[in-house]
Amino acid sequence: MNYRERRDMELPYISDESVMEEQKVCRRILQRLNTIDRTDFEGIESIVKELFGKSEDAFVNPPFYCDYGSHIEVGKNFFANYNCTILDVAKVIIGDNCQIAPNVSIYTAGHPLHPAVRNTLYEYGIGVTIGDNVWIGGNTVILPGVHIGSNAVIGAGSVVTKDIPEWTIAAGNPCKVVRKITEEDREYYYKD
């Protein structure tokens, strides 16, 4: 089994020449995305579609950073604001109608804890899944292996280390559920 296959199976791997070739393809696309005229919305959408392989009405405000792009699956109406970083060593699956505020980082990459093992250059990735209708507040960090349920809201500045259930507001470091989202929240901004 080669290192790309190991990586894609979430097994320890080394970023050899083959792996780096994939990253070079992504970096060329990111160079175009991150230097495009920011008023060229159609151009940005086109590059985003090329980067992710498919997307329906996805928009990313540059700058944006990732390792492969092809390991990121976004649903309909995806929006990522400025300075989003997705280290997509493993799959990152994001549902429909998700909104990501500025400076959010989603990490699937990890390294061995013991320095002797870490110095062998082996690394690994564990996928992240985000459901439909999720809003992630600014400066949030989502760690490898996390699943965020549909209709959840993650408060700004959170460090998400564990799964977050659907229909909840969660915040903090480490991120914890604050409360359920209820029908009362539907009326909050429309009371008058």
N, C-alpha and C. Protein backbone atom coordinates (compact mmCIF):
# COMPACT_ATOMS: atom_id res chain seq x y z
N MET A 1 0.86 -1.17 0.00
CA MET A 1 0.00 0.00 0.00
C MET A 1 0.91 1.24 0.00
N ASN A 2 0.60 2.21 -0.89
CA ASN A 2 1.42 3.42 -0.93
C ASN A 2 0.93 4.44 0.10
N TYR A 3 1.68 5.53 0.26
CA TYR A 3 1.34 6.52 1.29
C TYR A 3 0.04 7.26 1.02
N ARG A 4 -0.30 7.47 -0.24
CA ARG A 4 -1.59 8.12 -0.53
C ARG A 4 -2.74 7.22 -0.11
N GLU A 5 -2.62 5.92 -0.37
CA GLU A 5 -3.66 4.97 0.05
C GLU A 5 -3.75 4.92 1.57
N ARG A 6 -2.60 4.91 2.23
CA ARG A 6 -2.59 4.90 3.70
C ARG A 6 -3.28 6.17 4.24
N ARG A 7 -2.93 7.31 3.68
CA ARG A 7 -3.53 8.58 4.11
C ARG A 7 -5.05 8.52 3.96
N ASP A 8 -5.52 8.05 2.81
CA ASP A 8 -6.95 8.03 2.53
C ASP A 8 -7.71 7.02 3.39
N MET A 9 -6.98 6.08 3.99
CA MET A 9 -7.60 5.11 4.90
C MET A 9 -7.44 5.54 6.37
N GLU A 10 -6.99 6.77 6.58
CA GLU A 10 -6.77 7.33 7.91
C GLU A 10 -5.73 6.52 8.70
N LEU A 11 -4.72 6.02 7.98
CA LEU A 11 -3.60 5.31 8.60
C LEU A 11 -2.38 6.24 8.60
N PRO A 12 -1.42 5.99 9.48
CA PRO A 12 -0.21 6.81 9.45
C PRO A 12 0.46 6.73 8.07
N TYR A 13 0.97 7.87 7.61
CA TYR A 13 1.60 7.95 6.29
C TYR A 13 2.69 9.01 6.35
N ILE A 14 3.51 9.03 5.32
CA ILE A 14 4.54 10.06 5.17
C ILE A 14 4.22 10.85 3.91
N SER A 15 4.39 12.16 3.97
CA SER A 15 4.16 13.01 2.79
C SER A 15 5.33 12.84 1.82
N ASP A 16 5.25 11.79 1.03
CA ASP A 16 6.30 11.52 0.05
C ASP A 16 6.06 12.35 -1.21
N GLU A 17 6.83 12.10 -2.25
CA GLU A 17 6.74 12.87 -3.49
C GLU A 17 5.34 12.79 -4.10
N SER A 18 4.74 11.63 -4.06
CA SER A 18 3.40 11.44 -4.62
C SER A 18 2.36 12.29 -3.89
N VAL A 19 2.44 12.31 -2.56
CA VAL A 19 1.52 13.12 -1.75
C VAL A 19 1.75 14.60 -2.04
N MET A 20 3.01 15.00 -2.11
CA MET A 20 3.33 16.40 -2.36
C MET A 20 2.88 16.86 -3.75
N GLU A 21 2.87 15.96 -4.72
CA GLU A 21 2.37 16.32 -6.06
C GLU A 21 0.90 16.71 -5.99
N GLU A 22 0.12 15.99 -5.20
CA GLU A 22 -1.29 16.35 -5.01
C GLU A 22 -1.42 17.73 -4.37
N GLN A 23 -0.57 18.00 -3.40
CA GLN A 23 -0.63 19.30 -2.74
C GLN A 23 -0.22 20.42 -3.68
N LYS A 24 0.70 20.15 -4.59
CA LYS A 24 1.11 21.18 -5.56
C LYS A 24 -0.06 21.59 -6.45
N VAL A 25 -0.86 20.62 -6.87
CA VAL A 25 -2.04 20.93 -7.68
C VAL A 25 -2.96 21.87 -6.90
N CYS A 26 -3.20 21.55 -5.63
CA CYS A 26 -4.06 22.39 -4.79
C CYS A 26 -3.46 23.78 -4.62
N ARG A 27 -2.18 23.86 -4.39
CA ARG A 27 -1.55 25.16 -4.14
C ARG A 27 -1.61 26.07 -5.37
N ARG A 28 -1.57 25.47 -6.55
CA ARG A 28 -1.71 26.28 -7.77
C ARG A 28 -3.12 26.89 -7.84
N ILE A 29 -4.11 26.10 -7.50
CA ILE A 29 -5.48 26.59 -7.50
C ILE A 29 -5.64 27.67 -6.42
N LEU A 30 -5.09 27.42 -5.23
CA LEU A 30 -5.18 28.40 -4.15
C LEU A 30 -4.48 29.71 -4.50
N GLN A 31 -3.39 29.62 -5.23
CA GLN A 31 -2.69 30.84 -5.65
C GLN A 31 -3.62 31.72 -6.49
N ARG A 32 -4.36 31.07 -7.40
CA ARG A 32 -5.31 31.84 -8.23
C ARG A 32 -6.44 32.40 -7.37
N LEU A 33 -6.98 31.56 -6.47
CA LEU A 33 -8.08 32.00 -5.62
C LEU A 33 -7.66 33.17 -4.72
N ASN A 34 -6.50 33.06 -4.12
CA ASN A 34 -6.07 34.05 -3.13
C ASN A 34 -5.51 35.32 -3.73
N THR A 35 -5.37 35.36 -5.06
CA THR A 35 -4.87 36.59 -5.71
C THR A 35 -5.88 37.17 -6.70
N ILE A 36 -7.05 36.56 -6.82
CA ILE A 36 -8.07 37.05 -7.75
C ILE A 36 -8.62 38.40 -7.28
N ASP A 37 -9.09 39.19 -8.20
CA ASP A 37 -9.79 40.44 -7.87
C ASP A 37 -10.99 40.06 -6.99
N ARG A 38 -11.06 40.61 -5.79
CA ARG A 38 -12.09 40.22 -4.82
C ARG A 38 -13.50 40.62 -5.26
N THR A 39 -13.62 41.42 -6.30
CA THR A 39 -14.95 41.77 -6.81
C THR A 39 -15.39 40.84 -7.93
N ASP A 40 -14.53 39.91 -8.33
CA ASP A 40 -14.85 38.96 -9.40
C ASP A 40 -15.54 37.74 -8.78
N PHE A 41 -16.79 37.93 -8.38
CA PHE A 41 -17.52 36.88 -7.67
C PHE A 41 -17.70 35.62 -8.52
N GLU A 42 -17.97 35.79 -9.80
CA GLU A 42 -18.12 34.62 -10.68
C GLU A 42 -16.80 33.87 -10.80
N GLY A 43 -15.70 34.59 -10.90
CA GLY A 43 -14.38 33.96 -10.98
C GLY A 43 -14.07 33.18 -9.71
N ILE A 44 -14.40 33.77 -8.55
CA ILE A 44 -14.17 33.09 -7.28
C ILE A 44 -14.99 31.81 -7.22
N GLU A 45 -16.27 31.89 -7.58
CA GLU A 45 -17.13 30.69 -7.57
C GLU A 45 -16.58 29.60 -8.47
N SER A 46 -16.06 29.98 -9.63
CA SER A 46 -15.50 29.02 -10.57
C SER A 46 -14.27 28.32 -9.99
N ILE A 47 -13.39 29.08 -9.35
CA ILE A 47 -12.19 28.50 -8.75
C ILE A 47 -12.57 27.60 -7.57
N VAL A 48 -13.54 28.01 -6.78
CA VAL A 48 -14.00 27.20 -5.65
C VAL A 48 -14.54 25.86 -6.15
N LYS A 49 -15.30 25.90 -7.24
CA LYS A 49 -15.84 24.65 -7.81
C LYS A 49 -14.69 23.75 -8.28
N GLU A 50 -13.68 24.34 -8.90
CA GLU A 50 -12.51 23.57 -9.33
C GLU A 50 -11.78 22.97 -8.13
N LEU A 51 -11.64 23.74 -7.06
CA LEU A 51 -10.92 23.29 -5.88
C LEU A 51 -11.62 22.13 -5.18
N PHE A 52 -12.93 22.25 -4.99
CA PHE A 52 -13.68 21.23 -4.26
C PHE A 52 -14.16 20.09 -5.17
N GLY A 53 -14.06 20.27 -6.48
CA GLY A 53 -14.52 19.23 -7.40
C GLY A 53 -15.97 19.37 -7.75
N LYS A 54 -16.79 19.78 -6.80
CA LYS A 54 -18.19 20.06 -7.06
C LYS A 54 -18.69 20.97 -5.95
N SER A 55 -19.62 21.77 -6.28
CA SER A 55 -20.26 22.63 -5.28
C SER A 55 -21.44 23.30 -5.96
N GLU A 56 -22.45 23.56 -5.18
CA GLU A 56 -23.64 24.24 -5.71
C GLU A 56 -23.85 25.52 -4.91
N ASP A 57 -23.55 26.64 -5.56
CA ASP A 57 -23.67 27.95 -4.92
C ASP A 57 -22.76 28.08 -3.70
N ALA A 58 -21.57 27.48 -3.78
CA ALA A 58 -20.57 27.65 -2.70
C ALA A 58 -19.78 28.91 -2.96
N PHE A 59 -19.45 29.60 -1.87
CA PHE A 59 -18.63 30.80 -2.00
C PHE A 59 -17.64 30.85 -0.85
N VAL A 60 -16.40 31.20 -1.19
CA VAL A 60 -15.33 31.34 -0.21
C VAL A 60 -14.74 32.72 -0.38
N ASN A 61 -14.70 33.50 0.69
CA ASN A 61 -14.03 34.80 0.65
C ASN A 61 -12.53 34.56 0.84
N PRO A 62 -11.72 34.88 -0.17
CA PRO A 62 -10.28 34.68 -0.02
C PRO A 62 -9.71 35.65 1.03
N PRO A 63 -8.62 35.29 1.69
CA PRO A 63 -7.82 34.11 1.44
C PRO A 63 -8.40 32.86 2.10
N PHE A 64 -8.11 31.74 1.47
CA PHE A 64 -8.56 30.43 1.93
C PHE A 64 -7.36 29.49 1.81
N TYR A 65 -7.24 28.56 2.75
CA TYR A 65 -6.11 27.63 2.74
C TYR A 65 -6.58 26.21 3.00
N CYS A 66 -6.00 25.27 2.27
CA CYS A 66 -6.25 23.85 2.50
C CYS A 66 -5.07 23.07 1.93
N ASP A 67 -5.06 21.75 2.19
CA ASP A 67 -3.97 20.90 1.70
C ASP A 67 -4.26 20.30 0.33
N TYR A 68 -5.51 19.89 0.10
CA TYR A 68 -5.86 19.18 -1.13
C TYR A 68 -7.08 19.76 -1.84
N GLY A 69 -8.05 20.21 -1.09
CA GLY A 69 -9.29 20.70 -1.69
C GLY A 69 -10.20 19.56 -2.11
N SER A 70 -9.63 18.57 -2.77
CA SER A 70 -10.42 17.43 -3.25
C SER A 70 -10.93 16.55 -2.11
N HIS A 71 -10.41 16.74 -0.89
CA HIS A 71 -10.89 15.98 0.26
C HIS A 71 -11.99 16.74 1.01
N ILE A 72 -12.42 17.87 0.45
CA ILE A 72 -13.47 18.68 1.07
C ILE A 72 -14.74 18.54 0.25
N GLU A 73 -15.82 18.13 0.91
CA GLU A 73 -17.13 18.05 0.26
C GLU A 73 -18.05 19.05 0.94
N VAL A 74 -18.59 19.98 0.15
CA VAL A 74 -19.51 20.96 0.71
C VAL A 74 -20.88 20.80 0.05
N GLY A 75 -21.91 21.04 0.85
CA GLY A 75 -23.27 20.98 0.33
C GLY A 75 -23.67 22.28 -0.34
N LYS A 76 -24.96 22.41 -0.59
CA LYS A 76 -25.51 23.60 -1.24
C LYS A 76 -25.33 24.83 -0.34
N ASN A 77 -25.11 25.98 -0.98
CA ASN A 77 -25.08 27.27 -0.29
C ASN A 77 -24.02 27.36 0.80
N PHE A 78 -22.89 26.71 0.60
CA PHE A 78 -21.78 26.80 1.56
C PHE A 78 -21.15 28.18 1.49
N PHE A 79 -20.82 28.75 2.65
CA PHE A 79 -20.13 30.04 2.69
C PHE A 79 -19.04 29.99 3.73
N ALA A 80 -17.81 30.34 3.31
CA ALA A 80 -16.68 30.47 4.24
C ALA A 80 -16.14 31.87 4.12
N ASN A 81 -16.03 32.55 5.25
CA ASN A 81 -15.54 33.92 5.25
C ASN A 81 -14.01 33.93 5.29
N TYR A 82 -13.42 35.12 5.33
CA TYR A 82 -11.98 35.33 5.20
C TYR A 82 -11.15 34.45 6.14
N ASN A 83 -9.98 34.03 5.64
CA ASN A 83 -8.97 33.32 6.43
C ASN A 83 -9.44 31.97 6.96
N CYS A 84 -10.25 31.27 6.22
CA CYS A 84 -10.63 29.92 6.60
C CYS A 84 -9.49 28.98 6.22
N THR A 85 -9.16 28.07 7.14
CA THR A 85 -8.14 27.06 6.89
C THR A 85 -8.75 25.69 7.14
N ILE A 86 -8.68 24.81 6.14
CA ILE A 86 -9.16 23.44 6.30
C ILE A 86 -8.00 22.50 5.94
N LEU A 87 -7.40 21.89 6.96
CA LEU A 87 -6.34 20.91 6.71
C LEU A 87 -7.01 19.58 6.43
N ASP A 88 -7.23 19.33 5.14
CA ASP A 88 -8.04 18.20 4.69
C ASP A 88 -7.19 16.98 4.34
N VAL A 89 -6.35 16.55 5.27
CA VAL A 89 -5.61 15.30 5.09
C VAL A 89 -6.62 14.16 4.98
N ALA A 90 -7.62 14.17 5.84
CA ALA A 90 -8.75 13.22 5.76
C ALA A 90 -9.96 14.00 5.24
N LYS A 91 -11.03 13.30 4.97
CA LYS A 91 -12.25 13.92 4.44
C LYS A 91 -12.85 14.93 5.41
N VAL A 92 -13.28 16.05 4.86
CA VAL A 92 -14.08 17.03 5.58
C VAL A 92 -15.39 17.12 4.81
N ILE A 93 -16.47 16.72 5.46
CA ILE A 93 -17.78 16.72 4.82
C ILE A 93 -18.64 17.75 5.53
N ILE A 94 -19.12 18.72 4.76
CA ILE A 94 -19.92 19.83 5.29
C ILE A 94 -21.26 19.84 4.57
N GLY A 95 -22.34 19.88 5.32
CA GLY A 95 -23.69 19.79 4.75
C GLY A 95 -24.15 21.05 4.06
N ASP A 96 -25.44 21.07 3.75
CA ASP A 96 -26.07 22.20 3.07
C ASP A 96 -26.21 23.40 4.01
N ASN A 97 -26.18 24.60 3.42
CA ASN A 97 -26.49 25.86 4.11
C ASN A 97 -25.61 26.12 5.33
N CYS A 98 -24.35 25.76 5.23
CA CYS A 98 -23.43 26.01 6.35
C CYS A 98 -22.70 27.33 6.14
N GLN A 99 -22.50 28.03 7.25
CA GLN A 99 -21.83 29.32 7.23
C GLN A 99 -20.65 29.27 8.20
N ILE A 100 -19.49 29.69 7.68
CA ILE A 100 -18.27 29.70 8.48
C ILE A 100 -17.78 31.14 8.57
N ALA A 101 -17.65 31.64 9.78
CA ALA A 101 -17.21 33.02 10.02
C ALA A 101 -15.70 33.15 9.78
N PRO A 102 -15.15 34.37 9.85
CA PRO A 102 -13.72 34.56 9.60
C PRO A 102 -12.82 33.80 10.59
N ASN A 103 -11.65 33.44 10.08
CA ASN A 103 -10.57 32.85 10.89
C ASN A 103 -10.92 31.50 11.51
N VAL A 104 -11.77 30.74 10.87
CA VAL A 104 -12.10 29.40 11.35
C VAL A 104 -11.09 28.41 10.79
N SER A 105 -10.68 27.46 11.63
CA SER A 105 -9.76 26.41 11.20
C SER A 105 -10.36 25.04 11.50
N ILE A 106 -10.34 24.18 10.49
CA ILE A 106 -10.80 22.81 10.63
C ILE A 106 -9.60 21.92 10.36
N TYR A 107 -9.23 21.13 11.36
CA TYR A 107 -8.03 20.30 11.26
C TYR A 107 -8.41 18.82 11.24
N THR A 108 -7.92 18.10 10.23
CA THR A 108 -8.02 16.64 10.26
C THR A 108 -6.66 16.02 10.52
N ALA A 109 -5.60 16.80 10.40
CA ALA A 109 -4.23 16.30 10.51
C ALA A 109 -3.80 16.15 11.96
N GLY A 110 -3.00 15.11 12.20
CA GLY A 110 -2.43 14.89 13.53
C GLY A 110 -1.04 14.30 13.41
N HIS A 111 -0.32 14.36 14.51
CA HIS A 111 1.05 13.85 14.56
C HIS A 111 1.21 13.01 15.82
N PRO A 112 2.10 12.01 15.81
CA PRO A 112 2.32 11.18 17.00
C PRO A 112 2.75 12.03 18.20
N LEU A 113 2.39 11.59 19.39
CA LEU A 113 2.71 12.34 20.60
C LEU A 113 4.17 12.19 21.01
N HIS A 114 4.69 10.97 20.94
CA HIS A 114 6.06 10.74 21.38
C HIS A 114 7.03 11.33 20.36
N PRO A 115 8.02 12.13 20.81
CA PRO A 115 8.90 12.81 19.86
C PRO A 115 9.70 11.86 18.97
N ALA A 116 10.10 10.72 19.48
CA ALA A 116 10.87 9.79 18.65
C ALA A 116 10.03 9.30 17.47
N VAL A 117 8.75 9.05 17.72
CA VAL A 117 7.86 8.60 16.64
C VAL A 117 7.50 9.79 15.74
N ARG A 118 7.25 10.93 16.35
CA ARG A 118 6.91 12.12 15.57
C ARG A 118 8.04 12.50 14.61
N ASN A 119 9.28 12.29 15.02
CA ASN A 119 10.43 12.63 14.18
C ASN A 119 10.64 11.68 13.01
N THR A 120 9.85 10.62 12.91
CA THR A 120 9.92 9.72 11.76
C THR A 120 9.19 10.30 10.55
N LEU A 121 8.51 11.43 10.74
CA LEU A 121 7.73 12.15 9.72
C LEU A 121 6.38 11.52 9.42
N TYR A 122 6.00 10.50 10.18
CA TYR A 122 4.67 9.94 10.00
C TYR A 122 3.65 10.93 10.56
N GLU A 123 2.51 11.02 9.90
CA GLU A 123 1.38 11.80 10.35
C GLU A 123 0.13 11.02 10.02
N TYR A 124 -1.03 11.54 10.37
CA TYR A 124 -2.28 10.86 10.08
C TYR A 124 -3.39 11.90 9.95
N GLY A 125 -4.53 11.46 9.48
CA GLY A 125 -5.70 12.33 9.40
C GLY A 125 -6.93 11.59 9.86
N ILE A 126 -7.82 12.29 10.54
CA ILE A 126 -9.11 11.74 10.97
C ILE A 126 -10.17 12.72 10.51
N GLY A 127 -11.17 12.24 9.78
CA GLY A 127 -12.18 13.07 9.15
C GLY A 127 -13.02 13.89 10.11
N VAL A 128 -13.59 14.97 9.57
CA VAL A 128 -14.50 15.85 10.29
C VAL A 128 -15.80 15.91 9.50
N THR A 129 -16.92 15.84 10.20
CA THR A 129 -18.24 15.93 9.55
C THR A 129 -19.05 17.03 10.22
N ILE A 130 -19.64 17.87 9.38
CA ILE A 130 -20.48 18.97 9.85
C ILE A 130 -21.82 18.83 9.14
N GLY A 131 -22.91 18.80 9.90
CA GLY A 131 -24.23 18.58 9.32
C GLY A 131 -24.76 19.79 8.56
N ASP A 132 -26.04 19.75 8.23
CA ASP A 132 -26.71 20.83 7.52
C ASP A 132 -27.02 22.01 8.45
N ASN A 133 -27.07 23.21 7.88
CA ASN A 133 -27.53 24.41 8.58
C ASN A 133 -26.69 24.76 9.81
N VAL A 134 -25.41 24.50 9.75
CA VAL A 134 -24.52 24.78 10.88
C VAL A 134 -23.87 26.15 10.68
N TRP A 135 -23.78 26.91 11.76
CA TRP A 135 -23.09 28.20 11.75
C TRP A 135 -21.93 28.08 12.72
N ILE A 136 -20.73 28.36 12.21
CA ILE A 136 -19.52 28.27 13.03
C ILE A 136 -18.98 29.69 13.22
N GLY A 137 -18.91 30.14 14.47
CA GLY A 137 -18.48 31.49 14.79
C GLY A 137 -16.98 31.70 14.56
N GLY A 138 -16.60 32.97 14.43
CA GLY A 138 -15.23 33.35 14.12
C GLY A 138 -14.20 32.84 15.12
N ASN A 139 -13.01 32.58 14.59
CA ASN A 139 -11.86 32.13 15.38
C ASN A 139 -12.10 30.78 16.07
N THR A 140 -12.96 29.98 15.52
CA THR A 140 -13.20 28.63 16.05
C THR A 140 -12.18 27.67 15.45
N VAL A 141 -11.77 26.70 16.26
CA VAL A 141 -10.90 25.62 15.81
C VAL A 141 -11.64 24.30 16.02
N ILE A 142 -11.72 23.50 14.96
CA ILE A 142 -12.37 22.18 15.03
C ILE A 142 -11.29 21.13 14.84
N LEU A 143 -11.16 20.23 15.80
CA LEU A 143 -10.08 19.24 15.82
C LEU A 143 -10.46 17.95 15.09
N PRO A 144 -9.45 17.12 14.77
CA PRO A 144 -9.69 15.87 14.02
C PRO A 144 -10.74 14.97 14.68
N GLY A 145 -11.56 14.35 13.84
CA GLY A 145 -12.53 13.37 14.30
C GLY A 145 -13.84 13.92 14.81
N VAL A 146 -14.00 15.23 14.84
CA VAL A 146 -15.21 15.84 15.41
C VAL A 146 -16.38 15.73 14.43
N HIS A 147 -17.56 15.50 14.98
CA HIS A 147 -18.82 15.51 14.23
C HIS A 147 -19.70 16.59 14.87
N ILE A 148 -20.18 17.52 14.04
CA ILE A 148 -21.10 18.56 14.51
C ILE A 148 -22.45 18.29 13.88
N GLY A 149 -23.47 18.15 14.71
CA GLY A 149 -24.80 17.80 14.23
C GLY A 149 -25.48 18.94 13.49
N SER A 150 -26.47 18.59 12.70
CA SER A 150 -27.23 19.57 11.92
C SER A 150 -27.88 20.61 12.83
N ASN A 151 -27.99 21.82 12.30
CA ASN A 151 -28.68 22.93 12.95
C ASN A 151 -27.98 23.44 14.21
N ALA A 152 -26.72 23.08 14.40
CA ALA A 152 -25.96 23.54 15.56
C ALA A 152 -25.33 24.90 15.28
N VAL A 153 -25.04 25.62 16.35
CA VAL A 153 -24.31 26.88 16.29
C VAL A 153 -23.10 26.74 17.21
N ILE A 154 -21.92 27.07 16.68
CA ILE A 154 -20.70 27.03 17.47
C ILE A 154 -20.29 28.47 17.74
N GLY A 155 -20.19 28.85 19.01
CA GLY A 155 -19.86 30.22 19.39
C GLY A 155 -18.44 30.60 19.01
N ALA A 156 -18.24 31.88 18.76
CA ALA A 156 -16.93 32.41 18.36
C ALA A 156 -15.87 32.05 19.40
N GLY A 157 -14.67 31.76 18.90
CA GLY A 157 -13.53 31.48 19.77
C GLY A 157 -13.51 30.09 20.37
N SER A 158 -14.39 29.22 19.93
CA SER A 158 -14.46 27.88 20.50
C SER A 158 -13.34 26.99 19.98
N VAL A 159 -12.98 26.00 20.80
CA VAL A 159 -12.08 24.93 20.39
C VAL A 159 -12.89 23.64 20.54
N VAL A 160 -13.30 23.09 19.39
CA VAL A 160 -14.21 21.95 19.39
C VAL A 160 -13.38 20.66 19.39
N THR A 161 -13.38 19.99 20.55
CA THR A 161 -12.57 18.79 20.74
C THR A 161 -13.39 17.51 20.71
N LYS A 162 -14.72 17.65 20.87
CA LYS A 162 -15.62 16.48 20.92
C LYS A 162 -16.86 16.76 20.08
N ASP A 163 -17.60 15.71 19.79
CA ASP A 163 -18.81 15.83 18.99
C ASP A 163 -19.81 16.79 19.64
N ILE A 164 -20.55 17.50 18.78
CA ILE A 164 -21.58 18.44 19.23
C ILE A 164 -22.92 17.95 18.66
N PRO A 165 -23.93 17.75 19.51
CA PRO A 165 -25.21 17.24 19.02
C PRO A 165 -25.95 18.26 18.16
N GLU A 166 -26.90 17.76 17.37
CA GLU A 166 -27.73 18.64 16.55
C GLU A 166 -28.59 19.53 17.43
N TRP A 167 -29.03 20.65 16.82
CA TRP A 167 -29.96 21.59 17.45
C TRP A 167 -29.43 22.12 18.79
N THR A 168 -28.12 22.37 18.88
CA THR A 168 -27.57 22.93 20.11
C THR A 168 -26.71 24.15 19.80
N ILE A 169 -26.57 25.00 20.82
CA ILE A 169 -25.58 26.07 20.80
C ILE A 169 -24.45 25.59 21.70
N ALA A 170 -23.23 25.63 21.17
CA ALA A 170 -22.08 25.18 21.94
C ALA A 170 -20.98 26.23 21.82
N ALA A 171 -20.21 26.40 22.90
CA ALA A 171 -19.15 27.41 22.88
C ALA A 171 -18.11 27.08 23.94
N GLY A 172 -16.96 27.72 23.81
CA GLY A 172 -15.94 27.64 24.84
C GLY A 172 -14.71 26.86 24.43
N ASN A 173 -13.75 26.80 25.36
CA ASN A 173 -12.51 26.07 25.19
C ASN A 173 -12.26 25.26 26.45
N PRO A 174 -12.56 23.95 26.40
CA PRO A 174 -13.09 23.21 25.26
C PRO A 174 -14.57 23.51 25.05
N CYS A 175 -15.01 23.37 23.81
CA CYS A 175 -16.38 23.67 23.43
C CYS A 175 -17.35 22.70 24.12
N LYS A 176 -18.39 23.29 24.74
CA LYS A 176 -19.41 22.48 25.42
C LYS A 176 -20.78 23.01 25.04
N VAL A 177 -21.77 22.15 25.11
CA VAL A 177 -23.14 22.55 24.82
C VAL A 177 -23.60 23.55 25.87
N VAL A 178 -24.14 24.67 25.39
CA VAL A 178 -24.68 25.71 26.27
C VAL A 178 -26.17 25.46 26.49
N ARG A 179 -26.87 25.18 25.37
CA ARG A 179 -28.31 24.89 25.47
C ARG A 179 -28.82 24.38 24.14
N LYS A 180 -30.05 23.90 24.15
CA LYS A 180 -30.74 23.48 22.93
C LYS A 180 -31.26 24.71 22.19
N ILE A 181 -31.38 24.61 20.89
CA ILE A 181 -32.05 25.62 20.09
C ILE A 181 -33.53 25.26 20.07
N THR A 182 -34.40 26.23 20.39
CA THR A 182 -35.83 25.94 20.53
C THR A 182 -36.64 26.81 19.59
N GLU A 183 -37.94 26.61 19.59
CA GLU A 183 -38.85 27.43 18.79
C GLU A 183 -38.81 28.90 19.21
N GLU A 184 -38.50 29.17 20.47
CA GLU A 184 -38.37 30.56 20.92
C GLU A 184 -37.28 31.29 20.15
N ASP A 185 -36.24 30.58 19.73
CA ASP A 185 -35.16 31.20 18.96
C ASP A 185 -35.63 31.64 17.58
N ARG A 186 -36.64 31.00 17.04
CA ARG A 186 -37.18 31.37 15.73
C ARG A 186 -37.71 32.81 15.76
N GLU A 187 -38.34 33.19 16.85
CA GLU A 187 -38.99 34.48 16.97
C GLU A 187 -38.06 35.59 17.42
N TYR A 188 -36.88 35.29 17.92
CA TYR A 188 -36.02 36.26 18.59
C TYR A 188 -35.79 37.53 17.78
N TYR A 189 -35.39 37.39 16.52
CA TYR A 189 -35.10 38.57 15.71
C TYR A 189 -36.33 39.14 14.99
N TYR A 190 -37.46 38.51 15.16
CA TYR A 190 -38.68 38.95 14.46
C TYR A 190 -39.81 39.25 15.42
N LYS A 191 -39.51 39.63 16.66
CA LYS A 191 -40.56 39.82 17.65
C LYS A 191 -41.47 41.00 17.34
N ASP A 192 -40.92 42.03 16.73
CA ASP A 192 -41.74 43.20 16.46
C ASP A 192 -42.06 43.28 14.99
